[in-house]
C-alpha atoms as a PDB file:
ATOM      1  CA  MET A   1       0.000   0.000   0.000  1.00  0.00           C
ATOM      2  CA  THR A   2       1.214   3.459  -0.789  1.00  0.00           C
ATOM      3  CA  GLY A   3      -0.123   6.879   0.066  1.00  0.00           C
ATOM      4  CA  THR A   4       0.685  10.479   0.846  1.00  0.00           C
ATOM      5  CA  ALA A   5       1.060  12.305   4.111  1.00  0.00           C
ATOM      6  CA  ASP A   6      -1.816  14.686   3.418  1.00  0.00           C
ATOM      7  CA  ILE A   7      -4.425  12.113   4.396  1.00  0.00           C
ATOM      8  CA  GLY A   8      -5.542  12.877   7.926  1.00  0.00           C
ATOM      9  CA  PRO A   9      -6.111  10.286  10.655  1.00  0.00           C
ATOM     10  CA  LEU A  10      -8.728   7.783   9.557  1.00  0.00           C
ATOM     11  CA  ASP A  11     -11.816   6.482  11.291  1.00  0.00           C
ATOM     12  CA  VAL A  12     -12.526   3.084   9.780  1.00  0.00           C
ATOM     13  CA  LEU A  13     -15.482   0.830  10.504  1.00  0.00           C
ATOM     14  CA  VAL A  14     -15.115  -2.899   9.844  1.00  0.00           C
ATOM     15  CA  CYS A  15     -18.232  -5.047   9.577  1.00  0.00           C
ATOM     16  CA  LEU A  16     -17.645  -8.603  10.701  1.00  0.00           C
ATOM     17  CA  LYS A  17     -19.669 -11.739  11.207  1.00  0.00           C
ATOM     18  CA  PHE A  18     -19.152 -14.667  13.546  1.00  0.00           C
ATOM     19  CA  VAL A  19     -19.932 -17.914  11.728  1.00  0.00           C
ATOM     20  CA  PRO A  20     -19.761 -21.657  12.472  1.00  0.00           C
ATOM     21  CA  ASP A  21     -16.269 -22.807  11.567  1.00  0.00           C
ATOM     22  CA  PRO A  22     -16.638 -24.385   8.084  1.00  0.00           C
ATOM     23  CA  ALA A  23     -13.684 -26.678   8.799  1.00  0.00           C
ATOM     24  CA  GLN A  24     -15.540 -28.195  11.760  1.00  0.00           C
ATOM     25  CA  LEU A  25     -19.053 -28.239  10.312  1.00  0.00           C
ATOM     26  CA  ARG A  26     -20.698 -31.654  10.102  1.00  0.00           C
ATOM     27  CA  ALA A  27     -24.106 -32.866   8.960  1.00  0.00           C
ATOM     28  CA  ASP A  28     -26.371 -34.790  11.317  1.00  0.00           C
ATOM     29  CA  ALA A  29     -28.240 -38.004  10.460  1.00  0.00           C
ATOM     30  CA  SER A  30     -30.956 -36.076   8.624  1.00  0.00           C
ATOM     31  CA  GLY A  31     -28.465 -34.228   6.431  1.00  0.00           C
ATOM     32  CA  GLN A  32     -28.914 -30.909   8.238  1.00  0.00           C
ATOM     33  CA  PRO A  33     -25.725 -29.016   9.165  1.00  0.00           C
ATOM     34  CA  ASP A  34     -25.092 -29.235  12.900  1.00  0.00           C
ATOM     35  CA  LEU A  35     -24.606 -25.530  13.578  1.00  0.00           C
ATOM     36  CA  ILE A  36     -24.633 -25.957  17.355  1.00  0.00           C
ATOM     37  CA  GLN A  37     -21.636 -28.283  17.572  1.00  0.00           C
ATOM     38  CA  ALA A  38     -19.413 -26.277  15.220  1.00  0.00           C
ATOM     39  CA  PRO A  39     -17.501 -23.583  17.156  1.00  0.00           C
ATOM     40  CA  LEU A  40     -17.894 -19.968  16.102  1.00  0.00           C
ATOM     41  CA  ARG A  41     -15.105 -17.987  14.472  1.00  0.00           C
ATOM     42  CA  ILE A  42     -14.640 -14.725  12.593  1.00  0.00           C
ATOM     43  CA  SER A  43     -15.592 -15.231   8.960  1.00  0.00           C
ATOM     44  CA  ASN A  44     -12.303 -15.536   7.070  1.00  0.00           C
ATOM     45  CA  PHE A  45     -13.222 -12.759   4.630  1.00  0.00           C
ATOM     46  CA  ASP A  46     -13.850 -10.453   7.594  1.00  0.00           C
ATOM     47  CA  GLU A  47     -10.423 -11.244   9.032  1.00  0.00           C
ATOM     48  CA  ASN A  48      -9.018  -9.868   5.778  1.00  0.00           C
ATOM     49  CA  ALA A  49     -11.253  -6.813   6.189  1.00  0.00           C
ATOM     50  CA  ILE A  50      -9.860  -6.239   9.691  1.00  0.00           C
ATOM     51  CA  GLU A  51      -6.305  -6.627   8.413  1.00  0.00           C
ATOM     52  CA  THR A  52      -6.959  -4.114   5.619  1.00  0.00           C
ATOM     53  CA  ALA A  53      -8.279  -1.567   8.120  1.00  0.00           C
ATOM     54  CA  LEU A  54      -5.316  -2.056  10.440  1.00  0.00           C
ATOM     55  CA  GLN A  55      -2.793  -1.633   7.636  1.00  0.00           C
ATOM     56  CA  LEU A  56      -4.464   1.596   6.502  1.00  0.00           C
ATOM     57  CA  THR A  57      -4.645   3.076  10.010  1.00  0.00           C
ATOM     58  CA  ALA A  58      -1.034   2.074  10.679  1.00  0.00           C
ATOM     59  CA  GLN A  59      -0.001   3.890   7.511  1.00  0.00           C
ATOM     60  CA  HIS A  60      -2.163   6.991   7.763  1.00  0.00           C
ATOM     61  CA  GLY A  61      -3.005   7.132  11.465  1.00  0.00           C
ATOM     62  CA  GLY A  62      -6.412   6.808  13.010  1.00  0.00           C
ATOM     63  CA  ARG A  63      -8.652   4.169  14.559  1.00  0.00           C
ATOM     64  CA  ALA A  64     -10.449   1.017  13.446  1.00  0.00           C
ATOM     65  CA  PHE A  65     -13.653  -0.214  15.060  1.00  0.00           C
ATOM     66  CA  GLY A  66     -15.533  -3.480  14.621  1.00  0.00           C
ATOM     67  CA  LEU A  67     -19.285  -3.967  14.324  1.00  0.00           C
ATOM     68  CA  SER A  68     -21.198  -7.240  14.269  1.00  0.00           C
ATOM     69  CA  VAL A  69     -24.879  -8.182  14.365  1.00  0.00           C
ATOM     70  CA  ILE A  70     -25.393 -11.239  16.561  1.00  0.00           C
ATOM     71  CA  ARG A  71     -28.198 -13.614  15.619  1.00  0.00           C
ATOM     72  CA  GLY A  72     -28.580 -16.817  17.586  1.00  0.00           C
ATOM     73  CA  ARG A  73     -25.785 -17.813  19.906  1.00  0.00           C
ATOM     74  CA  LYS A  74     -23.281 -15.257  21.079  1.00  0.00           C
ATOM     75  CA  PRO A  75     -19.588 -15.862  20.337  1.00  0.00           C
ATOM     76  CA  PRO A  76     -17.534 -16.951  23.356  1.00  0.00           C
ATOM     77  CA  PRO A  77     -15.148 -14.416  24.934  1.00  0.00           C
ATOM     78  CA  ASP A  78     -12.036 -15.857  23.288  1.00  0.00           C
ATOM     79  CA  VAL A  79     -13.521 -15.353  19.802  1.00  0.00           C
ATOM     80  CA  LEU A  80     -14.472 -11.757  20.621  1.00  0.00           C
ATOM     81  CA  LEU A  81     -11.020 -11.151  22.058  1.00  0.00           C
ATOM     82  CA  ARG A  82      -9.378 -12.376  18.852  1.00  0.00           C
ATOM     83  CA  ALA A  83     -10.991  -9.538  16.880  1.00  0.00           C
ATOM     84  CA  LEU A  84      -9.748  -7.003  19.429  1.00  0.00           C
ATOM     85  CA  ALA A  85      -6.334  -8.654  19.717  1.00  0.00           C
ATOM     86  CA  MET A  86      -5.815  -8.220  15.987  1.00  0.00           C
ATOM     87  CA  GLY A  87      -5.839  -4.460  16.658  1.00  0.00           C
ATOM     88  CA  LEU A  88      -9.381  -3.075  16.643  1.00  0.00           C
ATOM     89  CA  ASN A  89      -9.916  -0.222  19.088  1.00  0.00           C
ATOM     90  CA  ALA A  90     -13.366  -1.410  20.172  1.00  0.00           C
ATOM     91  CA  LEU A  91     -15.994  -3.948  19.187  1.00  0.00           C
ATOM     92  CA  TYR A  92     -19.724  -3.241  19.027  1.00  0.00           C
ATOM     93  CA  LEU A  93     -22.282  -6.053  19.080  1.00  0.00           C
ATOM     94  CA  VAL A  94     -25.867  -5.550  17.933  1.00  0.00           C
ATOM     95  CA  VAL A  95     -27.921  -8.313  19.537  1.00  0.00           C
ATOM     96  CA  ASP A  96     -30.843  -9.437  17.375  1.00  0.00           C
ATOM     97  CA  GLU A  97     -33.004 -11.205  19.961  1.00  0.00           C
ATOM     98  CA  THR A  98     -36.084 -11.645  17.750  1.00  0.00           C
ATOM     99  CA  ASP A  99     -34.277 -12.583  14.522  1.00  0.00           C
ATOM    100  CA  MET A 100     -35.436  -9.355  12.917  1.00  0.00           C
ATOM    101  CA  ALA A 101     -32.394  -9.008  10.643  1.00  0.00           C
ATOM    102  CA  SER A 102     -33.108 -12.309   8.933  1.00  0.00           C
ATOM    103  CA  ASP A 103     -32.460 -11.116   5.371  1.00  0.00           C
ATOM    104  CA  PRO A 104     -29.735  -8.989   3.725  1.00  0.00           C
ATOM    105  CA  PHE A 105     -31.931  -5.880   3.387  1.00  0.00           C
ATOM    106  CA  ARG A 106     -32.841  -5.707   7.074  1.00  0.00           C
ATOM    107  CA  LEU A 107     -29.320  -6.625   8.133  1.00  0.00           C
ATOM    108  CA  ALA A 108     -27.865  -3.761   6.088  1.00  0.00           C
ATOM    109  CA  VAL A 109     -30.405  -1.343   7.594  1.00  0.00           C
ATOM    110  CA  ALA A 110     -29.442  -2.546  11.082  1.00  0.00           C
ATOM    111  CA  ILE A 111     -25.715  -2.072  10.429  1.00  0.00           C
ATOM    112  CA  ALA A 112     -26.336   1.404   9.000  1.00  0.00           C
ATOM    113  CA  ALA A 113     -28.287   2.418  12.114  1.00  0.00           C
ATOM    114  CA  ALA A 114     -25.592   1.011  14.396  1.00  0.00           C
ATOM    115  CA  ALA A 115     -22.859   2.831  12.449  1.00  0.00           C
ATOM    116  CA  LYS A 116     -24.584   6.133  13.165  1.00  0.00           C
ATOM    117  CA  VAL A 117     -24.904   5.356  16.883  1.00  0.00           C
ATOM    118  CA  MET A 118     -21.237   4.377  17.017  1.00  0.00           C
ATOM    119  CA  ARG A 119     -20.226   7.722  15.548  1.00  0.00           C
ATOM    120  CA  GLU A 120     -21.810   9.507  18.493  1.00  0.00           C
ATOM    121  CA  ALA A 121     -20.436   7.065  21.061  1.00  0.00           C
ATOM    122  CA  GLU A 122     -16.861   7.296  19.770  1.00  0.00           C
ATOM    123  CA  ALA A 123     -16.954  11.008  18.811  1.00  0.00           C
ATOM    124  CA  VAL A 124     -16.318  10.159  15.157  1.00  0.00           C
ATOM    125  CA  PRO A 125     -17.126  13.101  12.819  1.00  0.00           C
ATOM    126  CA  LEU A 126     -17.624  10.674   9.931  1.00  0.00           C
ATOM    127  CA  TRP A 127     -16.543   7.210   8.856  1.00  0.00           C
ATOM    128  CA  HIS A 128     -13.872   7.791   6.240  1.00  0.00           C
ATOM    129  CA  LEU A 129     -14.041   4.183   5.136  1.00  0.00           C
ATOM    130  CA  LEU A 130     -16.249   1.167   5.785  1.00  0.00           C
ATOM    131  CA  ILE A 131     -14.767  -2.229   4.987  1.00  0.00           C
ATOM    132  CA  CYS A 132     -16.707  -5.487   4.679  1.00  0.00           C
ATOM    133  CA  GLY A 133     -15.734  -8.975   3.668  1.00  0.00           C
ATOM    134  CA  GLU A 134     -16.990  -9.545   0.144  1.00  0.00           C
ATOM    135  CA  ALA A 135     -19.222 -12.314   1.520  1.00  0.00           C
ATOM    136  CA  SER A 136     -19.667 -14.363   4.686  1.00  0.00           C
ATOM    137  CA  ALA A 137     -18.263 -17.863   4.988  1.00  0.00           C
ATOM    138  CA  ASP A 138     -21.667 -19.336   5.860  1.00  0.00           C
ATOM    139  CA  GLU A 139     -24.276 -17.745   3.570  1.00  0.00           C
ATOM    140  CA  TYR A 140     -22.008 -16.206   0.906  1.00  0.00           C
ATOM    141  CA  ASN A 141     -24.689 -13.974  -0.620  1.00  0.00           C
ATOM    142  CA  ALA A 142     -22.311 -11.004  -1.117  1.00  0.00           C
ATOM    143  CA  GLN A 143     -25.140  -8.515  -0.575  1.00  0.00           C
ATOM    144  CA  ILE A 144     -24.359  -6.766   2.708  1.00  0.00           C
ATOM    145  CA  GLY A 145     -21.577  -4.474   1.443  1.00  0.00           C
ATOM    146  CA  PRO A 146     -23.512  -3.035  -1.531  1.00  0.00           C
ATOM    147  CA  ARG A 147     -26.773  -2.800   0.455  1.00  0.00           C
ATOM    148  CA  LEU A 148     -24.987  -1.033   3.310  1.00  0.00           C
ATOM    149  CA  ALA A 149     -23.487   1.458   0.867  1.00  0.00           C
ATOM    150  CA  VAL A 150     -26.995   2.225  -0.409  1.00  0.00           C
ATOM    151  CA  ALA A 151     -28.340   2.593   3.143  1.00  0.00           C
ATOM    152  CA  LEU A 152     -25.583   5.079   4.015  1.00  0.00           C
ATOM    153  CA  ASP A 153     -25.535   6.766   0.584  1.00  0.00           C
ATOM    154  CA  LEU A 154     -21.877   5.913  -0.016  1.00  0.00           C
ATOM    155  CA  PRO A 155     -19.991   4.915  -3.163  1.00  0.00           C
ATOM    156  CA  ALA A 156     -18.942   1.273  -3.071  1.00  0.00           C
ATOM    157  CA  ILE A 157     -16.023  -0.620  -4.572  1.00  0.00           C
ATOM    158  CA  THR A 158     -16.465  -4.384  -4.399  1.00  0.00           C
ATOM    159  CA  HIS A 159     -14.056  -7.328  -4.731  1.00  0.00           C
ATOM    160  CA  ALA A 160     -10.990  -5.158  -4.037  1.00  0.00           C
ATOM    161  CA  ILE A 161      -7.694  -7.048  -4.112  1.00  0.00           C
ATOM    162  CA  ARG A 162      -5.603  -3.958  -3.360  1.00  0.00           C
ATOM    163  CA  ILE A 163      -6.515  -0.683  -1.642  1.00  0.00           C
ATOM    164  CA  GLU A 164      -4.611   2.596  -1.514  1.00  0.00           C
ATOM    165  CA  LEU A 165      -5.545   5.992  -0.124  1.00  0.00           C
ATOM    166  CA  GLU A 166      -4.183   9.058  -1.861  1.00  0.00           C
ATOM    167  CA  ARG A 167      -5.293  12.514  -0.768  1.00  0.00           C
ATOM    168  CA  ASN A 168      -9.069  12.172  -0.513  1.00  0.00           C
ATOM    169  CA  LEU A 169      -9.319   9.225  -2.893  1.00  0.00           C
ATOM    170  CA  LEU A 170      -9.852   5.527  -2.400  1.00  0.00           C
ATOM    171  CA  ILE A 171      -7.999   3.736  -5.193  1.00  0.00           C
ATOM    172  CA  ALA A 172      -8.690   0.041  -5.527  1.00  0.00           C
ATOM    173  CA  ARG A 173      -7.691  -2.754  -7.825  1.00  0.00           C
ATOM    174  CA  ARG A 174     -10.458  -5.240  -8.564  1.00  0.00           C
ATOM    175  CA  SER A 175     -10.415  -8.723 -10.014  1.00  0.00           C
ATOM    176  CA  VAL A 176     -13.695  -9.429 -11.804  1.00  0.00           C
ATOM    177  CA  ASP A 177     -14.644 -11.963 -14.477  1.00  0.00           C
ATOM    178  CA  GLY A 178     -11.078 -12.893 -15.336  1.00  0.00           C
ATOM    179  CA  ARG A 179      -9.793  -9.336 -15.675  1.00  0.00           C
ATOM    180  CA  CYS A 180      -8.251  -6.709 -13.412  1.00  0.00           C
ATOM    181  CA  GLU A 181      -9.282  -3.078 -13.274  1.00  0.00           C
ATOM    182  CA  THR A 182      -8.313  -0.050 -11.195  1.00  0.00           C
ATOM    183  CA  VAL A 183     -11.075   2.241  -9.972  1.00  0.00           C
ATOM    184  CA  GLU A 184     -11.221   5.207  -7.628  1.00  0.00           C
ATOM    185  CA  THR A 185     -13.767   7.203  -5.673  1.00  0.00           C
ATOM    186  CA  GLU A 186     -13.761  10.003  -3.163  1.00  0.00           C
ATOM    187  CA  LEU A 187     -13.927   9.346   0.557  1.00  0.00           C
ATOM    188  CA  PRO A 188     -16.031   8.563   2.487  1.00  0.00           C
ATOM    189  CA  ALA A 189     -16.652   5.251   0.783  1.00  0.00           C
ATOM    190  CA  LEU A 190     -17.230   1.550   1.316  1.00  0.00           C
ATOM    191  CA  ALA A 191     -15.097  -1.325   0.074  1.00  0.00           C
ATOM    192  CA  THR A 192     -15.491  -5.092   0.158  1.00  0.00           C
ATOM    193  CA  VAL A 193     -12.426  -7.338   0.195  1.00  0.00           C
ATOM    194  CA  GLY A 194     -11.663 -11.024  -0.189  1.00  0.00           C
ATOM    195  CA  THR A 195      -8.866 -13.324   0.868  1.00  0.00           C
ATOM    196  CA  GLU A 196      -6.630 -12.196  -2.026  1.00  0.00           C
ATOM    197  CA  ILE A 197      -5.968  -8.778  -0.515  1.00  0.00           C
ATOM    198  CA  ASN A 198      -3.707  -9.823   2.378  1.00  0.00           C
ATOM    199  CA  HIS A 199      -2.826 -12.426   4.976  1.00  0.00           C
ATOM    200  CA  ALA A 200      -4.670 -11.688   8.212  1.00  0.00           C
ATOM    201  CA  ARG A 201      -2.371 -11.421  11.203  1.00  0.00           C
ATOM    202  CA  ILE A 202      -2.427 -13.981  14.017  1.00  0.00           C
ATOM    203  CA  PRO A 203      -2.484 -12.243  17.427  1.00  0.00           C
ATOM    204  CA  THR A 204       0.203 -13.087  19.938  1.00  0.00           C
ATOM    205  CA  VAL A 205      -0.562 -14.268  23.472  1.00  0.00           C
ATOM    206  CA  LEU A 206       0.308 -10.807  24.837  1.00  0.00           C
ATOM    207  CA  GLN A 207      -2.018  -9.146  22.329  1.00  0.00           C
ATOM    208  CA  ILE A 208      -4.823 -11.492  23.312  1.00  0.00           C
ATOM    209  CA  MET A 209      -4.249 -10.740  26.997  1.00  0.00           C
ATOM    210  CA  GLY A 210      -4.172  -7.006  26.287  1.00  0.00           C
ATOM    211  CA  ALA A 211      -7.395  -7.216  24.307  1.00  0.00           C
ATOM    212  CA  GLY A 212      -9.268  -7.843  27.544  1.00  0.00           C
ATOM    213  CA  ARG A 213      -8.828  -4.156  28.378  1.00  0.00           C
ATOM    214  CA  LYS A 214     -10.534  -3.027  25.179  1.00  0.00           C
ATOM    215  CA  PRO A 215     -14.281  -2.344  25.233  1.00  0.00           C
ATOM    216  CA  VAL A 216     -16.963  -4.679  23.903  1.00  0.00           C
ATOM    217  CA  ARG A 217     -20.207  -2.732  23.814  1.00  0.00           C
ATOM    218  CA  GLU A 218     -23.657  -4.182  23.187  1.00  0.00           C
ATOM    219  CA  MET A 219     -26.903  -2.718  21.921  1.00  0.00           C
ATOM    220  CA  THR A 220     -30.193  -4.402  21.076  1.00  0.00           C
ATOM    221  CA  LEU A 221     -31.482  -4.322  17.530  1.00  0.00           C
ATOM    222  CA  HIS A 222     -35.075  -3.742  18.654  1.00  0.00           C
ATOM    223  CA  LYS A 223     -34.120  -0.547  20.479  1.00  0.00           C
ATOM    224  CA  LEU A 224     -31.820   0.531  17.664  1.00  0.00           C
ATOM    225  CA  LEU A 225     -34.561   0.298  15.032  1.00  0.00           C
ATOM    226  CA  GLU A 226     -37.484   1.237  17.272  1.00  0.00           C
ATOM    227  CA  PRO A 227     -38.447   4.363  15.277  1.00  0.00           C
ATOM    228  CA  ASP A 228     -38.574   2.332  12.039  1.00  0.00           C
ATOM    229  CA  LEU A 229     -40.026  -0.962  13.259  1.00  0.00           C
ATOM    230  CA  ASP A 230     -43.429  -0.586  11.625  1.00  0.00           C
ATOM    231  CA  ALA A 231     -41.912   0.387   8.286  1.00  0.00           C
ATOM    232  CA  MET A 232     -39.432  -2.506   8.480  1.00  0.00           C
ATOM    233  CA  LYS A 233     -42.216  -5.028   9.085  1.00  0.00           C
ATOM    234  CA  ARG A 234     -44.052  -3.954   5.941  1.00  0.00           C
ATOM    235  CA  TYR A 235     -41.198  -4.998   3.636  1.00  0.00           C
ATOM    236  CA  PRO A 236     -41.203  -8.550   2.224  1.00  0.00           C
ATOM    237  CA  THR A 237     -38.997 -10.998   4.085  1.00  0.00           C
ATOM    238  CA  LEU A 238     -36.519 -13.416   2.527  1.00  0.00           C
ATOM    239  CA  LYS A 239     -36.239 -16.667   4.456  1.00  0.00           C
ATOM    240  CA  THR A 240     -33.990 -19.691   4.051  1.00  0.00           C
ATOM    241  CA  MET A 241     -36.289 -22.693   3.934  1.00  0.00           C
ATOM    242  CA  ALA A 242     -33.738 -25.499   4.224  1.00  0.00           C
ATOM    243  CA  VAL A 243     -30.037 -26.250   4.135  1.00  0.00           C
ATOM    244  CA  PHE A 244     -28.868 -29.826   3.809  1.00  0.00           C
ATOM    245  CA  ALA A 245     -25.882 -31.891   2.757  1.00  0.00           C
ATOM    246  CA  LEU A 246     -26.175 -34.223  -0.215  1.00  0.00           C
ATOM    247  CA  PRO A 247     -26.080 -37.865   0.908  1.00  0.00           C
ATOM    248  CA  SER A 248     -22.867 -39.705   0.214  1.00  0.00           C
ATOM    249  CA  THR A 249     -21.501 -43.118   1.098  1.00  0.00           C
ATOM    250  CA  ARG A 250     -18.039 -44.581   0.946  1.00  0.00           C
ATOM    251  CA  LYS A 251     -17.555 -47.500  -1.456  1.00  0.00           C
ATOM    252  CA  ARG A 252     -14.926 -49.065   0.824  1.00  0.00           C
ATOM    253  CA  ILE A 253     -13.129 -50.836  -2.023  1.00  0.00           C
ATOM    254  CA  LEU A 254      -9.752 -52.335  -1.143  1.00  0.00           C
ATOM    255  CA  ILE A 255      -7.147 -52.458  -3.912  1.00  0.00           C
ATOM    256  CA  ASP A 256      -4.587 -55.219  -3.355  1.00  0.00           C
ATOM    257  CA  GLY A 257      -2.608 -56.035  -6.466  1.00  0.00           C
ATOM    258  CA  GLY A 258       0.344 -57.728  -4.864  1.00  0.00           C
ATOM    259  CA  ASN A 259       2.830 -55.116  -6.147  1.00  0.00           C
ATOM    260  CA  PRO A 260       2.674 -51.325  -6.700  1.00  0.00           C
ATOM    261  CA  LYS A 261       2.344 -51.532 -10.505  1.00  0.00           C
ATOM    262  CA  GLU A 262      -0.517 -53.983 -10.406  1.00  0.00           C
ATOM    263  CA  SER A 263      -2.251 -51.984  -7.627  1.00  0.00           C
ATOM    264  CA  VAL A 264      -2.039 -48.795  -9.694  1.00  0.00           C
ATOM    265  CA  ASN A 265      -3.446 -50.582 -12.751  1.00  0.00           C
ATOM    266  CA  GLN A 266      -6.362 -51.925 -10.717  1.00  0.00           C
ATOM    267  CA  LEU A 267      -7.030 -48.509  -9.202  1.00  0.00           C
ATOM    268  CA  LEU A 268      -7.037 -46.768 -12.589  1.00  0.00           C
ATOM    269  CA  THR A 269      -9.274 -49.463 -14.047  1.00  0.00           C
ATOM    270  CA  ARG A 270     -11.746 -49.045 -11.187  1.00  0.00           C
ATOM    271  CA  LEU A 271     -11.731 -45.236 -11.428  1.00  0.00           C
ATOM    272  CA  GLY A 272     -12.242 -45.424 -15.181  1.00  0.00           C
ATOM    273  CA  ALA A 273     -15.150 -47.847 -14.829  1.00  0.00           C
ATOM    274  CA  ASP A 274     -16.813 -45.560 -12.287  1.00  0.00           C
ATOM    275  CA  GLY A 275     -16.332 -42.514 -14.508  1.00  0.00           C
ATOM    276  CA  GLU A 276     -14.082 -40.764 -11.991  1.00  0.00           C
ATOM    277  CA  ILE A 277     -11.303 -40.268 -14.565  1.00  0.00           C
ATOM    278  CA  ARG A 278     -11.061 -40.451 -18.333  1.00  0.00           C
ATOM    279  CA  PHE A 279      -8.193 -41.941 -20.302  1.00  0.00           C
END
């Protein structure tokens, strides 16, 4: 990342989501994903968003704050501390007790309302930059960033693989449909990033211990959206009807050809017969 000294200290807001760890997600006997047994973690795309914010504030000065809407179970303290240990100044949690933010539109409205409350709480004149993961590791609908930009009336640059700030400009390189392009827009703005943009840092033990002194503040979604509840209820709702894993069984075929060459020949013959490979 490069930049110039005439950019003032930044106030950056990072939107993050805590998701069941995909690496530890298993399906139960009915084929439904067992979301309760899988531990929660920061969505990997959002770890890259945090890293992007920290690199920019380290370069240009300023602060980076985290914001997450919590639906269902709350992340354990060690998962919350990881976000703060990476370098965020504070973490705000919007607790959705009635599952109101059940679709991307309502979730974006909730985040936009929380972003405004956070500005007052942290004495932030304006968010220079909002950064989101380009999608979440669980639902992967890639809608929250663009919808949030609309809710806050901000220009948005999606799928950024490189971000630079120069004077009052956000300059980003994007990788879309097999091509790369460089685009720019004035700040304040919103950007979404993927795993290509950086390698998210792993906090040290001392950083994790020090994160316990950083604030984690909660607010309820119902109170946050209270003035707009009636209007929100009138909009159509998008619901996920079912999520299931396709059934699969192991063939449990043992290849024993007596010697390596014969075993390989038997294996290739079996794979060819099953259509797994073509010769």
